[in-house]
PDB file of N, CA and C in Angstrom:
ATOM      1  N   MET A   1     -44.752 179.245 167.140  1.00  0.00           N
ATOM      2  CA  MET A   1     -44.900 179.540 165.729  1.00  0.00           C
ATOM      3  C   MET A   1     -45.461 178.311 165.016  1.00  0.00           C
ATOM      4  N   LYS A   2     -46.329 178.571 164.076  1.00  0.00           N
ATOM      5  CA  LYS A   2     -46.905 177.497 163.270  1.00  0.00           C
ATOM      6  C   LYS A   2     -46.868 177.908 161.810  1.00  0.00           C
ATOM      7  N   ASN A   3     -46.783 176.901 160.936  1.00  0.00           N
ATOM      8  CA  ASN A   3     -46.866 177.216 159.518  1.00  0.00           C
ATOM      9  C   ASN A   3     -48.326 177.143 159.071  1.00  0.00           C
ATOM     10  N   GLU A   4     -48.592 177.611 157.872  1.00  0.00           N
ATOM     11  CA  GLU A   4     -49.974 177.686 157.385  1.00  0.00           C
ATOM     12  C   GLU A   4     -50.649 176.322 157.340  1.00  0.00           C
ATOM     13  N   ASN A   5     -49.912 175.275 156.986  1.00  0.00           N
ATOM     14  CA  ASN A   5     -50.505 173.938 156.933  1.00  0.00           C
ATOM     15  C   ASN A   5     -50.929 173.453 158.315  1.00  0.00           C
ATOM     16  N   GLU A   6     -50.123 173.729 159.325  1.00  0.00           N
ATOM     17  CA  GLU A   6     -50.490 173.344 160.690  1.00  0.00           C
ATOM     18  C   GLU A   6     -51.757 174.072 161.126  1.00  0.00           C
ATOM     19  N   ILE A   7     -51.845 175.337 160.788  1.00  0.00           N
ATOM     20  CA  ILE A   7     -53.027 176.129 161.137  1.00  0.00           C
ATOM     21  C   ILE A   7     -54.243 175.601 160.387  1.00  0.00           C
ATOM     22  N   LYS A   8     -54.078 175.307 159.115  1.00  0.00           N
ATOM     23  CA  LYS A   8     -55.173 174.770 158.292  1.00  0.00           C
ATOM     24  C   LYS A   8     -55.689 173.462 158.871  1.00  0.00           C
ATOM     25  N   ASP A   9     -54.778 172.560 159.215  1.00  0.00           N
ATOM     26  CA  ASP A   9     -55.176 171.265 159.760  1.00  0.00           C
ATOM     27  C   ASP A   9     -55.874 171.407 161.113  1.00  0.00           C
ATOM     28  N   GLU A  10     -55.386 172.317 161.929  1.00  0.00           N
ATOM     29  CA  GLU A  10     -55.965 172.517 163.254  1.00  0.00           C
ATOM     30  C   GLU A  10     -57.367 173.114 163.176  1.00  0.00           C
ATOM     31  N   LEU A  11     -57.570 174.050 162.256  1.00  0.00           N
ATOM     32  CA  LEU A  11     -58.861 174.733 162.149  1.00  0.00           C
ATOM     33  C   LEU A  11     -59.818 174.082 161.158  1.00  0.00           C
ATOM     34  N   LYS A  12     -59.297 173.145 160.377  1.00  0.00           N
ATOM     35  CA  LYS A  12     -60.109 172.431 159.378  1.00  0.00           C
ATOM     36  C   LYS A  12     -60.779 173.393 158.392  1.00  0.00           C
ATOM     37  N   LEU A  13     -59.976 174.334 157.887  1.00  0.00           N
ATOM     38  CA  LEU A  13     -60.433 175.285 156.879  1.00  0.00           C
ATOM     39  C   LEU A  13     -59.604 175.104 155.614  1.00  0.00           C
ATOM     40  N   SER A  14     -60.081 175.652 154.514  1.00  0.00           N
ATOM     41  CA  SER A  14     -59.352 175.543 153.251  1.00  0.00           C
ATOM     42  C   SER A  14     -58.089 176.398 153.288  1.00  0.00           C
ATOM     43  N   GLN A  15     -57.136 176.037 152.438  1.00  0.00           N
ATOM     44  CA  GLN A  15     -55.882 176.785 152.361  1.00  0.00           C
ATOM     45  C   GLN A  15     -56.139 178.240 151.978  1.00  0.00           C
ATOM     46  N   SER A  16     -57.054 178.461 151.029  1.00  0.00           N
ATOM     47  CA  SER A  16     -57.330 179.837 150.597  1.00  0.00           C
ATOM     48  C   SER A  16     -57.956 180.656 151.726  1.00  0.00           C
ATOM     49  N   SER A  17     -58.833 180.043 152.495  1.00  0.00           N
ATOM     50  CA  SER A  17     -59.450 180.738 153.626  1.00  0.00           C
ATOM     51  C   SER A  17     -58.408 181.094 154.682  1.00  0.00           C
ATOM     52  N   ILE A  18     -57.531 180.151 154.986  1.00  0.00           N
ATOM     53  CA  ILE A  18     -56.457 180.399 155.956  1.00  0.00           C
ATOM     54  C   ILE A  18     -55.560 181.529 155.466  1.00  0.00           C
ATOM     55  N   SER A  19     -55.174 181.481 154.204  1.00  0.00           N
ATOM     56  CA  SER A  19     -54.294 182.512 153.643  1.00  0.00           C
ATOM     57  C   SER A  19     -54.926 183.896 153.730  1.00  0.00           C
ATOM     58  N   GLN A  20     -56.213 183.981 153.417  1.00  0.00           N
ATOM     59  CA  GLN A  20     -56.915 185.267 153.477  1.00  0.00           C
ATOM     60  C   GLN A  20     -56.969 185.805 154.906  1.00  0.00           C
ATOM     61  N   HIS A  21     -57.293 184.936 155.856  1.00  0.00           N
ATOM     62  CA  HIS A  21     -57.370 185.362 157.250  1.00  0.00           C
ATOM     63  C   HIS A  21     -55.995 185.772 157.784  1.00  0.00           C
ATOM     64  N   LEU A  22     -54.969 185.005 157.442  1.00  0.00           N
ATOM     65  CA  LEU A  22     -53.623 185.346 157.903  1.00  0.00           C
ATOM     66  C   LEU A  22     -53.154 186.667 157.307  1.00  0.00           C
ATOM     67  N   LYS A  23     -53.528 186.937 156.067  1.00  0.00           N
ATOM     68  CA  LYS A  23     -53.176 188.202 155.424  1.00  0.00           C
ATOM     69  C   LYS A  23     -53.831 189.371 156.168  1.00  0.00           C
ATOM     70  N   LEU A  24     -55.099 189.216 156.524  1.00  0.00           N
ATOM     71  CA  LEU A  24     -55.798 190.258 157.287  1.00  0.00           C
ATOM     72  C   LEU A  24     -55.136 190.481 158.649  1.00  0.00           C
ATOM     73  N   LEU A  25     -54.787 189.391 159.322  1.00  0.00           N
ATOM     74  CA  LEU A  25     -54.133 189.500 160.629  1.00  0.00           C
ATOM     75  C   LEU A  25     -52.758 190.143 160.514  1.00  0.00           C
ATOM     76  N   GLU A  26     -52.038 189.817 159.447  1.00  0.00           N
ATOM     77  CA  GLU A  26     -50.719 190.422 159.222  1.00  0.00           C
ATOM     78  C   GLU A  26     -50.859 191.916 158.922  1.00  0.00           C
ATOM     79  N   ASP A  27     -51.797 192.266 158.052  1.00  0.00           N
ATOM     80  CA  ASP A  27     -52.021 193.676 157.705  1.00  0.00           C
ATOM     81  C   ASP A  27     -52.445 194.500 158.925  1.00  0.00           C
ATOM     82  N   ALA A  28     -53.165 193.856 159.851  1.00  0.00           N
ATOM     83  CA  ALA A  28     -53.619 194.541 161.063  1.00  0.00           C
ATOM     84  C   ALA A  28     -52.530 194.602 162.138  1.00  0.00           C
ATOM     85  N   GLY A  29     -51.396 193.966 161.875  1.00  0.00           N
ATOM     86  CA  GLY A  29     -50.292 193.991 162.832  1.00  0.00           C
ATOM     87  C   GLY A  29     -50.449 193.018 163.984  1.00  0.00           C
ATOM     88  N   ILE A  30     -51.331 192.034 163.828  1.00  0.00           N
ATOM     89  CA  ILE A  30     -51.571 191.068 164.898  1.00  0.00           C
ATOM     90  C   ILE A  30     -50.586 189.904 164.833  1.00  0.00           C
ATOM     91  N   ILE A  31     -50.216 189.505 163.613  1.00  0.00           N
ATOM     92  CA  ILE A  31     -49.230 188.433 163.459  1.00  0.00           C
ATOM     93  C   ILE A  31     -48.065 188.917 162.602  1.00  0.00           C
ATOM     94  N   THR A  32     -46.968 188.197 162.706  1.00  0.00           N
ATOM     95  CA  THR A  32     -45.839 188.402 161.802  1.00  0.00           C
ATOM     96  C   THR A  32     -45.580 187.083 161.099  1.00  0.00           C
ATOM     97  N   LYS A  33     -45.063 187.172 159.891  1.00  0.00           N
ATOM     98  CA  LYS A  33     -44.712 185.978 159.129  1.00  0.00           C
ATOM     99  C   LYS A  33     -43.203 185.959 158.934  1.00  0.00           C
ATOM    100  N   LEU A  34     -42.616 184.802 159.185  1.00  0.00           N
ATOM    101  CA  LEU A  34     -41.182 184.618 159.019  1.00  0.00           C
ATOM    102  C   LEU A  34     -40.939 183.507 158.017  1.00  0.00           C
ATOM    103  N   LYS A  35     -40.075 183.761 157.034  1.00  0.00           N
ATOM    104  CA  LYS A  35     -39.750 182.734 156.044  1.00  0.00           C
ATOM    105  C   LYS A  35     -38.528 181.965 156.518  1.00  0.00           C
ATOM    106  N   ARG A  36     -38.684 180.657 156.611  1.00  0.00           N
ATOM    107  CA  ARG A  36     -37.581 179.767 156.975  1.00  0.00           C
ATOM    108  C   ARG A  36     -37.574 178.611 155.998  1.00  0.00           C
ATOM    109  N   GLU A  37     -36.486 178.524 155.256  1.00  0.00           N
ATOM    110  CA  GLU A  37     -36.337 177.500 154.221  1.00  0.00           C
ATOM    111  C   GLU A  37     -37.549 177.532 153.303  1.00  0.00           C
ATOM    112  N   ASN A  38     -38.320 176.445 153.255  1.00  0.00           N
ATOM    113  CA  ASN A  38     -39.464 176.403 152.338  1.00  0.00           C
ATOM    114  C   ASN A  38     -40.794 176.611 153.071  1.00  0.00           C
ATOM    115  N   GLN A  39     -40.739 177.165 154.275  1.00  0.00           N
ATOM    116  CA  GLN A  39     -41.948 177.373 155.066  1.00  0.00           C
ATOM    117  C   GLN A  39     -42.136 178.848 155.408  1.00  0.00           C
ATOM    118  N   VAL A  40     -43.389 179.210 155.598  1.00  0.00           N
ATOM    119  CA  VAL A  40     -43.713 180.524 156.140  1.00  0.00           C
ATOM    120  C   VAL A  40     -44.330 180.268 157.510  1.00  0.00           C
ATOM    121  N   LEU A  41     -43.659 180.764 158.541  1.00  0.00           N
ATOM    122  CA  LEU A  41     -44.125 180.570 159.909  1.00  0.00           C
ATOM    123  C   LEU A  41     -44.865 181.814 160.391  1.00  0.00           C
ATOM    124  N   CYS A  42     -45.938 181.597 161.115  1.00  0.00           N
ATOM    125  CA  CYS A  42     -46.749 182.691 161.635  1.00  0.00           C
ATOM    126  C   CYS A  42     -46.608 182.749 163.147  1.00  0.00           C
ATOM    127  N   GLU A  43     -46.529 183.972 163.657  1.00  0.00           N
ATOM    128  CA  GLU A  43     -46.379 184.156 165.092  1.00  0.00           C
ATOM    129  C   GLU A  43     -47.227 185.344 165.539  1.00  0.00           C
ATOM    130  N   ILE A  44     -47.862 185.197 166.693  1.00  0.00           N
ATOM    131  CA  ILE A  44     -48.602 186.308 167.283  1.00  0.00           C
ATOM    132  C   ILE A  44     -47.597 187.387 167.659  1.00  0.00           C
ATOM    133  N   LYS A  45     -47.830 188.598 167.186  1.00  0.00           N
ATOM    134  CA  LYS A  45     -46.880 189.692 167.407  1.00  0.00           C
ATOM    135  C   LYS A  45     -46.860 190.156 168.863  1.00  0.00           C
ATOM    136  N   HIS A  46     -48.025 190.249 169.467  1.00  0.00           N
ATOM    137  CA  HIS A  46     -48.138 190.715 170.850  1.00  0.00           C
ATOM    138  C   HIS A  46     -48.791 189.612 171.681  1.00  0.00           C
ATOM    139  N   ARG A  47     -48.029 188.998 172.546  1.00  0.00           N
ATOM    140  CA  ARG A  47     -48.532 187.886 173.359  1.00  0.00           C
ATOM    141  C   ARG A  47     -49.700 188.312 174.261  1.00  0.00           C
ATOM    142  N   GLU A  48     -49.818 189.594 174.523  1.00  0.00           N
ATOM    143  CA  GLU A  48     -50.903 190.096 175.372  1.00  0.00           C
ATOM    144  C   GLU A  48     -52.285 189.813 174.782  1.00  0.00           C
ATOM    145  N   ILE A  49     -52.336 189.539 173.481  1.00  0.00           N
ATOM    146  CA  ILE A  49     -53.612 189.246 172.825  1.00  0.00           C
ATOM    147  C   ILE A  49     -54.297 188.045 173.466  1.00  0.00           C
ATOM    148  N   PHE A  50     -53.499 187.103 174.005  1.00  0.00           N
ATOM    149  CA  PHE A  50     -54.085 185.922 174.634  1.00  0.00           C
ATOM    150  C   PHE A  50     -54.871 186.294 175.893  1.00  0.00           C
ATOM    151  N   LYS A  51     -54.409 187.277 176.644  1.00  0.00           N
ATOM    152  CA  LYS A  51     -55.139 187.735 177.832  1.00  0.00           C
ATOM    153  C   LYS A  51     -56.467 188.371 177.416  1.00  0.00           C
ATOM    154  N   ILE A  52     -56.443 189.128 176.335  1.00  0.00           N
ATOM    155  CA  ILE A  52     -57.676 189.737 175.817  1.00  0.00           C
ATOM    156  C   ILE A  52     -58.665 188.647 175.418  1.00  0.00           C
ATOM    157  N   LEU A  53     -58.182 187.632 174.717  1.00  0.00           N
ATOM    158  CA  LEU A  53     -59.050 186.536 174.282  1.00  0.00           C
ATOM    159  C   LEU A  53     -59.611 185.758 175.471  1.00  0.00           C
ATOM    160  N   GLU A  54     -58.809 185.561 176.511  1.00  0.00           N
ATOM    161  CA  GLU A  54     -59.294 184.892 177.721  1.00  0.00           C
ATOM    162  C   GLU A  54     -60.426 185.695 178.358  1.00  0.00           C
ATOM    163  N   THR A  55     -60.279 187.009 178.389  1.00  0.00           N
ATOM    164  CA  THR A  55     -61.304 187.874 178.967  1.00  0.00           C
ATOM    165  C   THR A  55     -62.592 187.810 178.155  1.00  0.00           C
ATOM    166  N   VAL A  56     -62.479 187.888 176.833  1.00  0.00           N
ATOM    167  CA  VAL A  56     -63.653 187.797 175.959  1.00  0.00           C
ATOM    168  C   VAL A  56     -64.330 186.442 176.139  1.00  0.00           C
ATOM    169  N   ASN A  57     -63.546 185.375 176.189  1.00  0.00           N
ATOM    170  CA  ASN A  57     -64.084 184.033 176.380  1.00  0.00           C
ATOM    171  C   ASN A  57     -64.859 183.938 177.697  1.00  0.00           C
ATOM    172  N   PHE A  58     -64.300 184.499 178.759  1.00  0.00           N
ATOM    173  CA  PHE A  58     -64.965 184.493 180.064  1.00  0.00           C
ATOM    174  C   PHE A  58     -66.301 185.237 180.001  1.00  0.00           C
ATOM    175  N   ILE A  59     -66.299 186.409 179.390  1.00  0.00           N
ATOM    176  CA  ILE A  59     -67.521 187.214 179.297  1.00  0.00           C
ATOM    177  C   ILE A  59     -68.593 186.488 178.495  1.00  0.00           C
ATOM    178  N   VAL A  60     -68.217 185.924 177.360  1.00  0.00           N
ATOM    179  CA  VAL A  60     -69.183 185.206 176.520  1.00  0.00           C
ATOM    180  C   VAL A  60     -69.747 184.003 177.269  1.00  0.00           C
ATOM    181  N   LYS A  61     -68.889 183.217 177.914  1.00  0.00           N
ATOM    182  CA  LYS A  61     -69.368 182.056 178.678  1.00  0.00           C
ATOM    183  C   LYS A  61     -70.311 182.484 179.798  1.00  0.00           C
ATOM    184  N   THR A  62     -69.984 183.570 180.478  1.00  0.00           N
ATOM    185  CA  THR A  62     -70.831 184.073 181.559  1.00  0.00           C
ATOM    186  C   THR A  62     -72.196 184.485 181.029  1.00  0.00           C
ATOM    187  N   GLU A  63     -72.216 185.192 179.922  1.00  0.00           N
ATOM    188  CA  GLU A  63     -73.484 185.649 179.338  1.00  0.00           C
ATOM    189  C   GLU A  63     -74.318 184.476 178.837  1.00  0.00           C
ATOM    190  N   ILE A  64     -73.667 183.510 178.218  1.00  0.00           N
ATOM    191  CA  ILE A  64     -74.396 182.337 177.714  1.00  0.00           C
ATOM    192  C   ILE A  64     -74.984 181.554 178.879  1.00  0.00           C
ATOM    193  N   THR A  65     -74.188 181.361 179.920  1.00  0.00           N
ATOM    194  CA  THR A  65     -74.657 180.618 181.087  1.00  0.00           C
ATOM    195  C   THR A  65     -75.824 181.330 181.759  1.00  0.00           C
ATOM    196  N   SER A  66     -75.716 182.625 181.927  1.00  0.00           N
ATOM    197  CA  SER A  66     -76.775 183.369 182.619  1.00  0.00           C
ATOM    198  C   SER A  66     -78.051 183.478 181.790  1.00  0.00           C
ATOM    199  N   SER A  67     -77.937 183.384 180.473  1.00  0.00           N
ATOM    200  CA  SER A  67     -79.132 183.484 179.627  1.00  0.00           C
ATOM    201  C   SER A  67     -79.766 182.124 179.369  1.00  0.00           C
ATOM    202  N   GLY A  68     -79.073 181.044 179.757  1.00  0.00           N
ATOM    203  CA  GLY A  68     -79.624 179.707 179.579  1.00  0.00           C
ATOM    204  C   GLY A  68     -79.454 179.148 178.183  1.00  0.00           C
ATOM    205  N   ILE A  69     -78.681 179.798 177.348  1.00  0.00           N
ATOM    206  CA  ILE A  69     -78.444 179.309 175.991  1.00  0.00           C
ATOM    207  C   ILE A  69     -77.481 178.127 176.051  1.00  0.00           C
ATOM    208  N   ILE A  70     -77.795 177.088 175.307  1.00  0.00           N
ATOM    209  CA  ILE A  70     -76.915 175.918 175.248  1.00  0.00           C
ATOM    210  C   ILE A  70     -76.315 175.852 173.849  1.00  0.00           C
ATOM    211  N   LEU A  71     -75.000 175.793 173.780  1.00  0.00           N
ATOM    212  CA  LEU A  71     -74.300 175.686 172.506  1.00  0.00           C
ATOM    213  C   LEU A  71     -73.487 174.400 172.481  1.00  0.00           C
ATOM    214  N   GLU A  72     -73.413 173.784 171.317  1.00  0.00           N
ATOM    215  CA  GLU A  72     -72.547 172.626 171.166  1.00  0.00           C
ATOM    216  C   GLU A  72     -71.121 173.099 170.994  1.00  0.00           C
ATOM    217  N   LYS A  73     -70.179 172.298 171.490  1.00  0.00           N
ATOM    218  CA  LYS A  73     -68.765 172.618 171.340  1.00  0.00           C
ATOM    219  C   LYS A  73     -68.368 172.335 169.892  1.00  0.00           C
ATOM    220  N   TRP A  74     -67.592 173.243 169.284  1.00  0.00           N
ATOM    221  CA  TRP A  74     -67.160 173.091 167.895  1.00  0.00           C
ATOM    222  C   TRP A  74     -65.809 172.418 167.856  1.00  0.00           C
ATOM    223  N   TYR A  75     -65.698 171.407 167.013  1.00  0.00           N
ATOM    224  CA  TYR A  75     -64.404 170.745 166.780  1.00  0.00           C
ATOM    225  C   TYR A  75     -64.299 170.359 165.349  1.00  0.00           C
TER     226      TYR A  75
END
């Protein structure tokens, strides 16, 4: 579980952008938000989503490699 500030710092996005994205993910049933003291913690509702993301990542990397496209790593 991470709070919104941790997510913001990790992704280097504005607080409003993070809040909007988290709201969409919550409305879609992908994450849950838990209030603890003065923090709102976010958690992935279904851990299986990570396997889906790994599969998508593999497919994209395979397609990029086979097409010869070179992308810079984002940080």
